[in-house]
Amino acid sequence: FWREWFYKDPHFDQAIDSVETTDSGAVQHVVVIYGNRARGVLPIRVRFSFSDGTTQDFDYPALVWSTNTSRYERDYDFTGKKVTRIDLDPDHRLIDVDRTNNSWMAK
């Protein structure tokens, strides 16, 4: 992690590469593939927004990129809620060269 910051000149660009949702009764299953489109790695901070107006945040350490530096897949199950939006780094705490690929909205 520190080598990226002090000895190299990395760029940082996280993205939401794809989202798949399936409904099974009251449970919505969501598969998100997070992308790392640059050399540098950062922690993942993500916020899910739901149709009832609530949100839920998840934080993952930069270590999740240790086995695959370009792709990280995560599954979620939400009971009684429907995801309407997903945002990476919603509070803009991390450096990211392209924030246009940091959001996904349900159709």
PDB file of N, CA and C in Angstrom:
ATOM      1  N   PHE A   1       0.824  -1.199   0.000  1.00  0.00           N
ATOM      2  CA  PHE A   1       0.000   0.000   0.000  1.00  0.00           C
ATOM      3  C   PHE A   1       0.867   1.261   0.000  1.00  0.00           C
ATOM      4  N   TRP A   2       1.841   1.349   0.921  1.00  0.00           N
ATOM      5  CA  TRP A   2       2.651   2.553   1.026  1.00  0.00           C
ATOM      6  C   TRP A   2       3.583   2.726  -0.162  1.00  0.00           C
ATOM      7  N   ARG A   3       4.045   1.611  -0.741  1.00  0.00           N
ATOM      8  CA  ARG A   3       4.913   1.687  -1.910  1.00  0.00           C
ATOM      9  C   ARG A   3       4.206   2.431  -3.036  1.00  0.00           C
ATOM     10  N   GLU A   4       2.911   2.188  -3.209  1.00  0.00           N
ATOM     11  CA  GLU A   4       2.133   2.871  -4.247  1.00  0.00           C
ATOM     12  C   GLU A   4       2.161   4.390  -4.063  1.00  0.00           C
ATOM     13  N   TRP A   5       2.121   4.844  -2.831  1.00  0.00           N
ATOM     14  CA  TRP A   5       2.015   6.266  -2.551  1.00  0.00           C
ATOM     15  C   TRP A   5       3.344   7.002  -2.620  1.00  0.00           C
ATOM     16  N   PHE A   6       4.428   6.355  -2.179  1.00  0.00           N
ATOM     17  CA  PHE A   6       5.686   7.073  -2.039  1.00  0.00           C
ATOM     18  C   PHE A   6       6.734   6.758  -3.102  1.00  0.00           C
ATOM     19  N   TYR A   7       6.726   5.554  -3.662  1.00  0.00           N
ATOM     20  CA  TYR A   7       7.787   5.172  -4.589  1.00  0.00           C
ATOM     21  C   TYR A   7       7.339   5.100  -6.042  1.00  0.00           C
ATOM     22  N   LYS A   8       6.069   5.082  -6.283  1.00  0.00           N
ATOM     23  CA  LYS A   8       5.554   4.995  -7.648  1.00  0.00           C
ATOM     24  C   LYS A   8       4.628   6.179  -7.897  1.00  0.00           C
ATOM     25  N   ASP A   9       4.242   6.349  -9.133  1.00  0.00           N
ATOM     26  CA  ASP A   9       3.324   7.435  -9.491  1.00  0.00           C
ATOM     27  C   ASP A   9       2.032   6.817 -10.034  1.00  0.00           C
ATOM     28  N   PRO A  10       1.259   6.180  -9.166  1.00  0.00           N
ATOM     29  CA  PRO A  10       0.062   5.497  -9.656  1.00  0.00           C
ATOM     30  C   PRO A  10      -1.106   6.459  -9.854  1.00  0.00           C
ATOM     31  N   HIS A  11      -2.039   6.026 -10.647  1.00  0.00           N
ATOM     32  CA  HIS A  11      -3.321   6.708 -10.779  1.00  0.00           C
ATOM     33  C   HIS A  11      -4.352   5.806 -10.123  1.00  0.00           C
ATOM     34  N   PHE A  12      -5.449   6.391  -9.703  1.00  0.00           N
ATOM     35  CA  PHE A  12      -6.475   5.635  -8.998  1.00  0.00           C
ATOM     36  C   PHE A  12      -7.805   5.830  -9.715  1.00  0.00           C
ATOM     37  N   ASP A  13      -8.425   4.734 -10.091  1.00  0.00           N
ATOM     38  CA  ASP A  13      -9.728   4.809 -10.755  1.00  0.00           C
ATOM     39  C   ASP A  13     -10.531   3.561 -10.449  1.00  0.00           C
ATOM     40  N   GLN A  14     -11.406   3.660  -9.461  1.00  0.00           N
ATOM     41  CA  GLN A  14     -12.319   2.570  -9.169  1.00  0.00           C
ATOM     42  C   GLN A  14     -13.587   2.768  -9.970  1.00  0.00           C
ATOM     43  N   ALA A  15     -14.294   1.659 -10.233  1.00  0.00           N
ATOM     44  CA  ALA A  15     -15.521   1.730 -11.020  1.00  0.00           C
ATOM     45  C   ALA A  15     -16.469   0.622 -10.592  1.00  0.00           C
ATOM     46  N   ILE A  16     -17.735   0.820 -10.899  1.00  0.00           N
ATOM     47  CA  ILE A  16     -18.707  -0.268 -10.800  1.00  0.00           C
ATOM     48  C   ILE A  16     -18.810  -0.838 -12.206  1.00  0.00           C
ATOM     49  N   ASP A  17     -18.213  -2.013 -12.406  1.00  0.00           N
ATOM     50  CA  ASP A  17     -18.178  -2.603 -13.744  1.00  0.00           C
ATOM     51  C   ASP A  17     -19.503  -3.237 -14.138  1.00  0.00           C
ATOM     52  N   SER A  18     -20.146  -3.941 -13.204  1.00  0.00           N
ATOM     53  CA  SER A  18     -21.445  -4.534 -13.534  1.00  0.00           C
ATOM     54  C   SER A  18     -22.227  -4.823 -12.267  1.00  0.00           C
ATOM     55  N   VAL A  19     -23.541  -4.851 -12.447  1.00  0.00           N
ATOM     56  CA  VAL A  19     -24.458  -5.168 -11.352  1.00  0.00           C
ATOM     57  C   VAL A  19     -25.531  -6.089 -11.907  1.00  0.00           C
ATOM     58  N   GLU A  20     -25.774  -7.189 -11.206  1.00  0.00           N
ATOM     59  CA  GLU A  20     -26.861  -8.101 -11.562  1.00  0.00           C
ATOM     60  C   GLU A  20     -27.761  -8.253 -10.353  1.00  0.00           C
ATOM     61  N   THR A  21     -29.060  -8.116 -10.577  1.00  0.00           N
ATOM     62  CA  THR A  21     -30.021  -8.286  -9.491  1.00  0.00           C
ATOM     63  C   THR A  21     -31.012  -9.372  -9.857  1.00  0.00           C
ATOM     64  N   THR A  22     -31.363 -10.186  -8.873  1.00  0.00           N
ATOM     65  CA  THR A  22     -32.410 -11.191  -9.042  1.00  0.00           C
ATOM     66  C   THR A  22     -33.273 -11.164  -7.790  1.00  0.00           C
ATOM     67  N   ASP A  23     -34.562 -11.317  -7.993  1.00  0.00           N
ATOM     68  CA  ASP A  23     -35.507 -11.313  -6.881  1.00  0.00           C
ATOM     69  C   ASP A  23     -36.013 -12.723  -6.638  1.00  0.00           C
ATOM     70  N   SER A  24     -36.068 -13.076  -5.356  1.00  0.00           N
ATOM     71  CA  SER A  24     -36.604 -14.367  -4.948  1.00  0.00           C
ATOM     72  C   SER A  24     -37.485 -14.121  -3.735  1.00  0.00           C
ATOM     73  N   GLY A  25     -38.766 -13.930  -3.997  1.00  0.00           N
ATOM     74  CA  GLY A  25     -39.674 -13.581  -2.909  1.00  0.00           C
ATOM     75  C   GLY A  25     -39.349 -12.201  -2.379  1.00  0.00           C
ATOM     76  N   ALA A  26     -39.114 -12.112  -1.076  1.00  0.00           N
ATOM     77  CA  ALA A  26     -38.814 -10.823  -0.450  1.00  0.00           C
ATOM     78  C   ALA A  26     -37.319 -10.501  -0.449  1.00  0.00           C
ATOM     79  N   VAL A  27     -36.514 -11.394  -1.018  1.00  0.00           N
ATOM     80  CA  VAL A  27     -35.064 -11.202  -0.998  1.00  0.00           C
ATOM     81  C   VAL A  27     -34.568 -10.780  -2.379  1.00  0.00           C
ATOM     82  N   GLN A  28     -33.802  -9.706  -2.403  1.00  0.00           N
ATOM     83  CA  GLN A  28     -33.142  -9.288  -3.637  1.00  0.00           C
ATOM     84  C   GLN A  28     -31.665  -9.660  -3.521  1.00  0.00           C
ATOM     85  N   HIS A  29     -31.211 -10.475  -4.468  1.00  0.00           N
ATOM     86  CA  HIS A  29     -29.806 -10.886  -4.522  1.00  0.00           C
ATOM     87  C   HIS A  29     -29.102  -9.969  -5.511  1.00  0.00           C
ATOM     88  N   VAL A  30     -27.995  -9.372  -5.092  1.00  0.00           N
ATOM     89  CA  VAL A  30     -27.262  -8.415  -5.909  1.00  0.00           C
ATOM     90  C   VAL A  30     -25.807  -8.872  -6.019  1.00  0.00           C
ATOM     91  N   VAL A  31     -25.308  -8.949  -7.244  1.00  0.00           N
ATOM     92  CA  VAL A  31     -23.904  -9.261  -7.491  1.00  0.00           C
ATOM     93  C   VAL A  31     -23.272  -8.028  -8.118  1.00  0.00           C
ATOM     94  N   VAL A  32     -22.240  -7.505  -7.470  1.00  0.00           N
ATOM     95  CA  VAL A  32     -21.556  -6.313  -7.958  1.00  0.00           C
ATOM     96  C   VAL A  32     -20.109  -6.680  -8.287  1.00  0.00           C
ATOM     97  N   ILE A  33     -19.666  -6.280  -9.465  1.00  0.00           N
ATOM     98  CA  ILE A  33     -18.264  -6.418  -9.816  1.00  0.00           C
ATOM     99  C   ILE A  33     -17.664  -5.021  -9.800  1.00  0.00           C
ATOM    100  N   TYR A  34     -16.751  -4.823  -8.857  1.00  0.00           N
ATOM    101  CA  TYR A  34     -16.031  -3.563  -8.734  1.00  0.00           C
ATOM    102  C   TYR A  34     -14.780  -3.657  -9.593  1.00  0.00           C
ATOM    103  N   GLY A  35     -14.470  -2.594 -10.302  1.00  0.00           N
ATOM    104  CA  GLY A  35     -13.297  -2.593 -11.152  1.00  0.00           C
ATOM    105  C   GLY A  35     -12.249  -1.620 -10.645  1.00  0.00           C
ATOM    106  N   ASN A  36     -11.011  -1.978 -10.873  1.00  0.00           N
ATOM    107  CA  ASN A  36      -9.886  -1.101 -10.576  1.00  0.00           C
ATOM    108  C   ASN A  36      -9.206  -0.839 -11.916  1.00  0.00           C
ATOM    109  N   ARG A  37      -9.432   0.313 -12.500  1.00  0.00           N
ATOM    110  CA  ARG A  37      -8.990   0.607 -13.864  1.00  0.00           C
ATOM    111  C   ARG A  37      -7.648   1.329 -13.940  1.00  0.00           C
ATOM    112  N   ALA A  38      -6.933   1.363 -12.837  1.00  0.00           N
ATOM    113  CA  ALA A  38      -5.615   2.007 -12.814  1.00  0.00           C
ATOM    114  C   ALA A  38      -4.675   1.141 -11.981  1.00  0.00           C
ATOM    115  N   ARG A  39      -3.432   1.563 -11.867  1.00  0.00           N
ATOM    116  CA  ARG A  39      -2.440   0.761 -11.143  1.00  0.00           C
ATOM    117  C   ARG A  39      -2.598   0.826  -9.635  1.00  0.00           C
ATOM    118  N   GLY A  40      -2.960   1.963  -9.120  1.00  0.00           N
ATOM    119  CA  GLY A  40      -3.040   2.120  -7.673  1.00  0.00           C
ATOM    120  C   GLY A  40      -4.268   1.450  -7.088  1.00  0.00           C
ATOM    121  N   VAL A  41      -4.143   0.989  -5.848  1.00  0.00           N
ATOM    122  CA  VAL A  41      -5.278   0.364  -5.170  1.00  0.00           C
ATOM    123  C   VAL A  41      -5.691   1.204  -3.972  1.00  0.00           C
ATOM    124  N   LEU A  42      -6.986   1.248  -3.750  1.00  0.00           N
ATOM    125  CA  LEU A  42      -7.581   1.985  -2.643  1.00  0.00           C
ATOM    126  C   LEU A  42      -8.602   1.098  -1.949  1.00  0.00           C
ATOM    127  N   PRO A  43      -8.978   1.441  -0.723  1.00  0.00           N
ATOM    128  CA  PRO A  43     -10.099   0.731  -0.102  1.00  0.00           C
ATOM    129  C   PRO A  43     -11.368   0.983  -0.921  1.00  0.00           C
ATOM    130  N   ILE A  44     -12.329   0.112  -0.760  1.00  0.00           N
ATOM    131  CA  ILE A  44     -13.622   0.294  -1.430  1.00  0.00           C
ATOM    132  C   ILE A  44     -14.611   0.796  -0.388  1.00  0.00           C
ATOM    133  N   ARG A  45     -15.219   1.928  -0.685  1.00  0.00           N
ATOM    134  CA  ARG A  45     -16.313   2.464   0.137  1.00  0.00           C
ATOM    135  C   ARG A  45     -17.522   2.538  -0.783  1.00  0.00           C
ATOM    136  N   VAL A  46     -18.594   1.881  -0.389  1.00  0.00           N
ATOM    137  CA  VAL A  46     -19.759   1.814  -1.274  1.00  0.00           C
ATOM    138  C   VAL A  46     -21.038   2.057  -0.473  1.00  0.00           C
ATOM    139  N   ARG A  47     -21.969   2.747  -1.098  1.00  0.00           N
ATOM    140  CA  ARG A  47     -23.270   3.022  -0.478  1.00  0.00           C
ATOM    141  C   ARG A  47     -24.381   2.487  -1.378  1.00  0.00           C
ATOM    142  N   PHE A  48     -25.257   1.688  -0.794  1.00  0.00           N
ATOM    143  CA  PHE A  48     -26.434   1.189  -1.480  1.00  0.00           C
ATOM    144  C   PHE A  48     -27.627   2.039  -1.049  1.00  0.00           C
ATOM    145  N   SER A  49     -28.406   2.507  -2.009  1.00  0.00           N
ATOM    146  CA  SER A  49     -29.639   3.251  -1.719  1.00  0.00           C
ATOM    147  C   SER A  49     -30.806   2.364  -2.113  1.00  0.00           C
ATOM    148  N   PHE A  50     -31.872   2.428  -1.320  1.00  0.00           N
ATOM    149  CA  PHE A  50     -33.014   1.544  -1.525  1.00  0.00           C
ATOM    150  C   PHE A  50     -34.283   2.342  -1.826  1.00  0.00           C
ATOM    151  N   SER A  51     -35.259   1.646  -2.377  1.00  0.00           N
ATOM    152  CA  SER A  51     -36.506   2.293  -2.788  1.00  0.00           C
ATOM    153  C   SER A  51     -37.279   2.877  -1.609  1.00  0.00           C
ATOM    154  N   ASP A  52     -37.015   2.412  -0.392  1.00  0.00           N
ATOM    155  CA  ASP A  52     -37.715   2.958   0.776  1.00  0.00           C
ATOM    156  C   ASP A  52     -37.019   4.196   1.348  1.00  0.00           C
ATOM    157  N   GLY A  53     -35.966   4.661   0.673  1.00  0.00           N
ATOM    158  CA  GLY A  53     -35.267   5.869   1.100  1.00  0.00           C
ATOM    159  C   GLY A  53     -34.099   5.629   2.042  1.00  0.00           C
ATOM    160  N   THR A  54     -33.881   4.399   2.458  1.00  0.00           N
ATOM    161  CA  THR A  54     -32.767   4.100   3.354  1.00  0.00           C
ATOM    162  C   THR A  54     -31.489   3.835   2.560  1.00  0.00           C
ATOM    163  N   THR A  55     -30.364   3.859   3.273  1.00  0.00           N
ATOM    164  CA  THR A  55     -29.070   3.551   2.664  1.00  0.00           C
ATOM    165  C   THR A  55     -28.314   2.586   3.574  1.00  0.00           C
ATOM    166  N   GLN A  56     -27.349   1.908   2.985  1.00  0.00           N
ATOM    167  CA  GLN A  56     -26.469   1.034   3.755  1.00  0.00           C
ATOM    168  C   GLN A  56     -25.070   1.140   3.168  1.00  0.00           C
ATOM    169  N   ASP A  57     -24.086   1.381   4.040  1.00  0.00           N
ATOM    170  CA  ASP A  57     -22.696   1.537   3.607  1.00  0.00           C
ATOM    171  C   ASP A  57     -21.902   0.274   3.905  1.00  0.00           C
ATOM    172  N   PHE A  58     -20.939  -0.008   3.026  1.00  0.00           N
ATOM    173  CA  PHE A  58     -20.002  -1.108   3.206  1.00  0.00           C
ATOM    174  C   PHE A  58     -18.602  -0.566   2.957  1.00  0.00           C
ATOM    175  N   ASP A  59     -17.647  -1.011   3.749  1.00  0.00           N
ATOM    176  CA  ASP A  59     -16.246  -0.624   3.588  1.00  0.00           C
ATOM    177  C   ASP A  59     -15.399  -1.884   3.494  1.00  0.00           C
ATOM    178  N   TYR A  60     -14.521  -1.920   2.494  1.00  0.00           N
ATOM    179  CA  TYR A  60     -13.606  -3.040   2.307  1.00  0.00           C
ATOM    180  C   TYR A  60     -12.190  -2.480   2.229  1.00  0.00           C
ATOM    181  N   PRO A  61     -11.223  -3.142   2.884  1.00  0.00           N
ATOM    182  CA  PRO A  61      -9.850  -2.632   2.872  1.00  0.00           C
ATOM    183  C   PRO A  61      -9.202  -2.799   1.501  1.00  0.00           C
ATOM    184  N   ALA A  62      -8.130  -2.062   1.254  1.00  0.00           N
ATOM    185  CA  ALA A  62      -7.394  -2.171  -0.011  1.00  0.00           C
ATOM    186  C   ALA A  62      -6.884  -3.584  -0.239  1.00  0.00           C
ATOM    187  N   LEU A  63      -6.814  -4.361   0.797  1.00  0.00           N
ATOM    188  CA  LEU A  63      -6.355  -5.747   0.714  1.00  0.00           C
ATOM    189  C   LEU A  63      -7.211  -6.599  -0.231  1.00  0.00           C
ATOM    190  N   VAL A  64      -8.462  -6.207  -0.481  1.00  0.00           N
ATOM    191  CA  VAL A  64      -9.315  -7.009  -1.373  1.00  0.00           C
ATOM    192  C   VAL A  64      -8.738  -7.090  -2.781  1.00  0.00           C
ATOM    193  N   TRP A  65      -7.859  -6.169  -3.153  1.00  0.00           N
ATOM    194  CA  TRP A  65      -7.246  -6.173  -4.480  1.00  0.00           C
ATOM    195  C   TRP A  65      -5.996  -7.046  -4.541  1.00  0.00           C
ATOM    196  N   SER A  66      -5.628  -7.714  -3.449  1.00  0.00           N
ATOM    197  CA  SER A  66      -4.372  -8.470  -3.411  1.00  0.00           C
ATOM    198  C   SER A  66      -4.376  -9.704  -4.313  1.00  0.00           C
ATOM    199  N   THR A  67      -5.516 -10.321  -4.534  1.00  0.00           N
ATOM    200  CA  THR A  67      -5.555 -11.521  -5.383  1.00  0.00           C
ATOM    201  C   THR A  67      -5.874 -11.199  -6.835  1.00  0.00           C
ATOM    202  N   ASN A  68      -6.531 -10.082  -7.073  1.00  0.00           N
ATOM    203  CA  ASN A  68      -6.854  -9.658  -8.434  1.00  0.00           C
ATOM    204  C   ASN A  68      -6.915  -8.132  -8.411  1.00  0.00           C
ATOM    205  N   THR A  69      -5.957  -7.480  -9.031  1.00  0.00           N
ATOM    206  CA  THR A  69      -5.864  -6.023  -8.923  1.00  0.00           C
ATOM    207  C   THR A  69      -6.802  -5.272  -9.851  1.00  0.00           C
ATOM    208  N   SER A  70      -7.573  -5.981 -10.675  1.00  0.00           N
ATOM    209  CA  SER A  70      -8.453  -5.279 -11.608  1.00  0.00           C
ATOM    210  C   SER A  70      -9.937  -5.554 -11.383  1.00  0.00           C
ATOM    211  N   ARG A  71     -10.278  -6.557 -10.559  1.00  0.00           N
ATOM    212  CA  ARG A  71     -11.680  -6.926 -10.414  1.00  0.00           C
ATOM    213  C   ARG A  71     -11.930  -7.522  -9.027  1.00  0.00           C
ATOM    214  N   TYR A  72     -13.024  -7.092  -8.404  1.00  0.00           N
ATOM    215  CA  TYR A  72     -13.434  -7.640  -7.113  1.00  0.00           C
ATOM    216  C   TYR A  72     -14.943  -7.858  -7.157  1.00  0.00           C
ATOM    217  N   GLU A  73     -15.367  -9.093  -6.920  1.00  0.00           N
ATOM    218  CA  GLU A  73     -16.789  -9.444  -6.986  1.00  0.00           C
ATOM    219  C   GLU A  73     -17.322  -9.679  -5.585  1.00  0.00           C
ATOM    220  N   ARG A  74     -18.530  -9.150  -5.351  1.00  0.00           N
ATOM    221  CA  ARG A  74     -19.155  -9.283  -4.032  1.00  0.00           C
ATOM    222  C   ARG A  74     -20.650  -9.553  -4.209  1.00  0.00           C
ATOM    223  N   ASP A  75     -21.191 -10.469  -3.413  1.00  0.00           N
ATOM    224  CA  ASP A  75     -22.622 -10.801  -3.426  1.00  0.00           C
ATOM    225  C   ASP A  75     -23.289 -10.222  -2.182  1.00  0.00           C
ATOM    226  N   TYR A  76     -24.520  -9.767  -2.365  1.00  0.00           N
ATOM    227  CA  TYR A  76     -25.301  -9.199  -1.272  1.00  0.00           C
ATOM    228  C   TYR A  76     -26.716  -9.762  -1.341  1.00  0.00           C
ATOM    229  N   ASP A  77     -27.350  -9.919  -0.191  1.00  0.00           N
ATOM    230  CA  ASP A  77     -28.761 -10.274  -0.104  1.00  0.00           C
ATOM    231  C   ASP A  77     -29.452  -9.249   0.777  1.00  0.00           C
ATOM    232  N   PHE A  78     -30.505  -8.640   0.236  1.00  0.00           N
ATOM    233  CA  PHE A  78     -31.265  -7.636   0.968  1.00  0.00           C
ATOM    234  C   PHE A  78     -32.706  -8.123   1.086  1.00  0.00           C
ATOM    235  N   THR A  79     -33.180  -8.258   2.311  1.00  0.00           N
ATOM    236  CA  THR A  79     -34.530  -8.740   2.558  1.00  0.00           C
ATOM    237  C   THR A  79     -35.485  -7.564   2.723  1.00  0.00           C
ATOM    238  N   GLY A  80     -36.544  -7.565   1.927  1.00  0.00           N
ATOM    239  CA  GLY A  80     -37.555  -6.528   2.023  1.00  0.00           C
ATOM    240  C   GLY A  80     -37.137  -5.187   1.463  1.00  0.00           C
ATOM    241  N   LYS A  81     -36.050  -5.156   0.685  1.00  0.00           N
ATOM    242  CA  LYS A  81     -35.567  -3.901   0.109  1.00  0.00           C
ATOM    243  C   LYS A  81     -35.207  -4.104  -1.349  1.00  0.00           C
ATOM    244  N   LYS A  82     -35.331  -3.038  -2.126  1.00  0.00           N
ATOM    245  CA  LYS A  82     -34.941  -3.039  -3.529  1.00  0.00           C
ATOM    246  C   LYS A  82     -33.874  -1.973  -3.746  1.00  0.00           C
ATOM    247  N   VAL A  83     -32.749  -2.375  -4.311  1.00  0.00           N
ATOM    248  CA  VAL A  83     -31.658  -1.445  -4.577  1.00  0.00           C
ATOM    249  C   VAL A  83     -32.035  -0.543  -5.741  1.00  0.00           C
ATOM    250  N   THR A  84     -31.877   0.757  -5.546  1.00  0.00           N
ATOM    251  CA  THR A  84     -32.152   1.715  -6.622  1.00  0.00           C
ATOM    252  C   THR A  84     -30.877   2.380  -7.130  1.00  0.00           C
ATOM    253  N   ARG A  85     -29.848   2.400  -6.278  1.00  0.00           N
ATOM    254  CA  ARG A  85     -28.615   3.087  -6.665  1.00  0.00           C
ATOM    255  C   ARG A  85     -27.449   2.532  -5.854  1.00  0.00           C
ATOM    256  N   ILE A  86     -26.270   2.498  -6.493  1.00  0.00           N
ATOM    257  CA  ILE A  86     -25.038   2.111  -5.826  1.00  0.00           C
ATOM    258  C   ILE A  86     -23.996   3.175  -6.158  1.00  0.00           C
ATOM    259  N   ASP A  87     -23.303   3.675  -5.125  1.00  0.00           N
ATOM    260  CA  ASP A  87     -22.287   4.718  -5.309  1.00  0.00           C
ATOM    261  C   ASP A  87     -20.982   4.305  -4.636  1.00  0.00           C
ATOM    262  N   LEU A  88     -19.896   4.389  -5.388  1.00  0.00           N
ATOM    263  CA  LEU A  88     -18.561   4.207  -4.824  1.00  0.00           C
ATOM    264  C   LEU A  88     -18.091   5.523  -4.229  1.00  0.00           C
ATOM    265  N   ASP A  89     -17.460   5.447  -3.087  1.00  0.00           N
ATOM    266  CA  ASP A  89     -16.914   6.621  -2.407  1.00  0.00           C
ATOM    267  C   ASP A  89     -17.913   7.787  -2.410  1.00  0.00           C
ATOM    268  N   PRO A  90     -19.084   7.573  -1.827  1.00  0.00           N
ATOM    269  CA  PRO A  90     -20.133   8.609  -1.888  1.00  0.00           C
ATOM    270  C   PRO A  90     -19.766   9.910  -1.196  1.00  0.00           C
ATOM    271  N   ASP A  91     -18.834   9.863  -0.254  1.00  0.00           N
ATOM    272  CA  ASP A  91     -18.438  11.072   0.468  1.00  0.00           C
ATOM    273  C   ASP A  91     -17.200  11.741  -0.127  1.00  0.00           C
ATOM    274  N   HIS A  92     -16.721  11.212  -1.248  1.00  0.00           N
ATOM    275  CA  HIS A  92     -15.563  11.764  -1.965  1.00  0.00           C
ATOM    276  C   HIS A  92     -14.340  11.905  -1.066  1.00  0.00           C
ATOM    277  N   ARG A  93     -14.039  10.865  -0.319  1.00  0.00           N
ATOM    278  CA  ARG A  93     -12.873  10.866   0.570  1.00  0.00           C
ATOM    279  C   ARG A  93     -11.619  10.351  -0.122  1.00  0.00           C
ATOM    280  N   LEU A  94     -11.785   9.569  -1.168  1.00  0.00           N
ATOM    281  CA  LEU A  94     -10.648   8.959  -1.849  1.00  0.00           C
ATOM    282  C   LEU A  94     -10.346   9.694  -3.156  1.00  0.00           C
ATOM    283  N   ILE A  95      -9.116   9.582  -3.613  1.00  0.00           N
ATOM    284  CA  ILE A  95      -8.770  10.202  -4.894  1.00  0.00           C
ATOM    285  C   ILE A  95      -9.160   9.238  -6.011  1.00  0.00           C
ATOM    286  N   ASP A  96      -9.764   9.760  -7.034  1.00  0.00           N
ATOM    287  CA  ASP A  96     -10.236   8.955  -8.161  1.00  0.00           C
ATOM    288  C   ASP A  96     -10.200   9.852  -9.397  1.00  0.00           C
ATOM    289  N   VAL A  97      -9.514   9.407 -10.446  1.00  0.00           N
ATOM    290  CA  VAL A  97      -9.346  10.262 -11.620  1.00  0.00           C
ATOM    291  C   VAL A  97     -10.598  10.358 -12.481  1.00  0.00           C
ATOM    292  N   ASP A  98     -11.536   9.411 -12.326  1.00  0.00           N
ATOM    293  CA  ASP A  98     -12.759   9.431 -13.140  1.00  0.00           C
ATOM    294  C   ASP A  98     -13.941   8.999 -12.293  1.00  0.00           C
ATOM    295  N   ARG A  99     -14.689   9.943 -11.781  1.00  0.00           N
ATOM    296  CA  ARG A  99     -15.843   9.622 -10.942  1.00  0.00           C
ATOM    297  C   ARG A  99     -17.103   9.302 -11.756  1.00  0.00           C
ATOM    298  N   THR A 100     -17.048   9.433 -13.068  1.00  0.00           N
ATOM    299  CA  THR A 100     -18.234   9.153 -13.884  1.00  0.00           C
ATOM    300  C   THR A 100     -18.599   7.685 -13.880  1.00  0.00           C
ATOM    301  N   ASN A 101     -17.678   6.799 -13.504  1.00  0.00           N
ATOM    302  CA  ASN A 101     -17.973   5.363 -13.481  1.00  0.00           C
ATOM    303  C   ASN A 101     -18.175   4.832 -12.069  1.00  0.00           C
ATOM    304  N   ASN A 102     -18.486   5.722 -11.131  1.00  0.00           N
ATOM    305  CA  ASN A 102     -18.620   5.339  -9.728  1.00  0.00           C
ATOM    306  C   ASN A 102     -20.061   5.130  -9.276  1.00  0.00           C
ATOM    307  N   SER A 103     -21.015   5.210 -10.179  1.00  0.00           N
ATOM    308  CA  SER A 103     -22.421   5.049  -9.783  1.00  0.00           C
ATOM    309  C   SER A 103     -23.144   4.109 -10.724  1.00  0.00           C
ATOM    310  N   TRP A 104     -24.137   3.449 -10.164  1.00  0.00           N
ATOM    311  CA  TRP A 104     -25.049   2.598 -10.921  1.00  0.00           C
ATOM    312  C   TRP A 104     -26.462   2.895 -10.449  1.00  0.00           C
ATOM    313  N   MET A 105     -27.396   2.991 -11.389  1.00  0.00           N
ATOM    314  CA  MET A 105     -28.800   3.226 -11.048  1.00  0.00           C
ATOM    315  C   MET A 105     -29.652   2.127 -11.662  1.00  0.00           C
ATOM    316  N   ALA A 106     -30.641   1.659 -10.891  1.00  0.00           N
ATOM    317  CA  ALA A 106     -31.564   0.636 -11.395  1.00  0.00           C
ATOM    318  C   ALA A 106     -32.426   1.228 -12.486  1.00  0.00           C
ATOM    319  N   LYS A 107     -32.795   0.387 -13.425  1.00  0.00           N
ATOM    320  CA  LYS A 107     -33.647   0.849 -14.527  1.00  0.00           C
ATOM    321  C   LYS A 107     -35.099   0.760 -14.190  1.00  0.00           C
TER     322      LYS A 107
END
